[in-house]
Amino acid sequence: MSKKESLCVALDSSDLGWIRSAATALADEVGWLKVGLEAFSAHGPALVEELAAFGPRIFLDLKLHDIPATVARATANCAAGGASMLTVHAAGGRHMLEAALEGAHQAVTKSPPKIVAVTVLTSLDQATLSELRIEKTPADLVGTWASLAAESGLDGVVSSAHEAAALRREFGGDFLLVTPGIRPASSTSDDQRRVVTPAEAIRAGADVLVVGRPITGAENLVEAARSIVGEMEAG
């Protein structure tokens, strides 16, 4: 299977015309399209349904974090809307994580979406965690919250590829590892601090690589996506 099936492009924009144009261009080049808070807050659930028709699976990255009953209803709505993968915050705790899974599975009994827990954002480093009075290292905190996600029955986690190899060893091949913060060697890190190259992420055991600006900010989106896939295959 081509590594393009593991590539997810983040359509982080409020411009509906641009989103449609990017999705059209990338439909045959990637396995996933990510809809995050910016696009979803601008265009709502209808955007997920529309993009699902383009072909790639939809990763709805809303990082849900609320009381269990609210999250259960929200994941049910997201699942029914056509998303193939959803995010919730591991920091919400076991009851919330279990409620998220239950809500999604009740809404879509056949092929429900994957539910993955966000661990430590790739924008957070040790200094930022210390400001939050969290004394664990990013790697230790990722491990703690990944264990909670696995024990709660979730499909996997979102984490930096820096932790992917350790997570793969601990949780095995069926645990889904989604890695943002992917940057080609020639690219800048922008506002993400724990970044890796596509080849490094693949070697570490990542299943889905989420890439934004290195593709969406390129002059030619298709060429940029193919270049990323090439780096993934080299890994």
Foldseek 3Di string as FASTA:
>chain_A
DFCQLQEEEEPQDLDPVLSVVLLLQCLVRHQEYEYEDRNCVNPNLVVQLVSVVSHHAYEYEHQAADPQVVLLQVLLVNQLSRHQEYEHALVNALSNLLSNVVSQCVNPVPNTHAYAHEFDALLDACVNCVVVVNNDGSLVRSVVSQVSNVVSPGQAYEDALVNLLVCCVVPHDRRAYEHEQEDDPPDDSPSGDRHDHLCSSVVSPHRHYYDYCQQSVDPRNNVSSVVSSVSNVVD
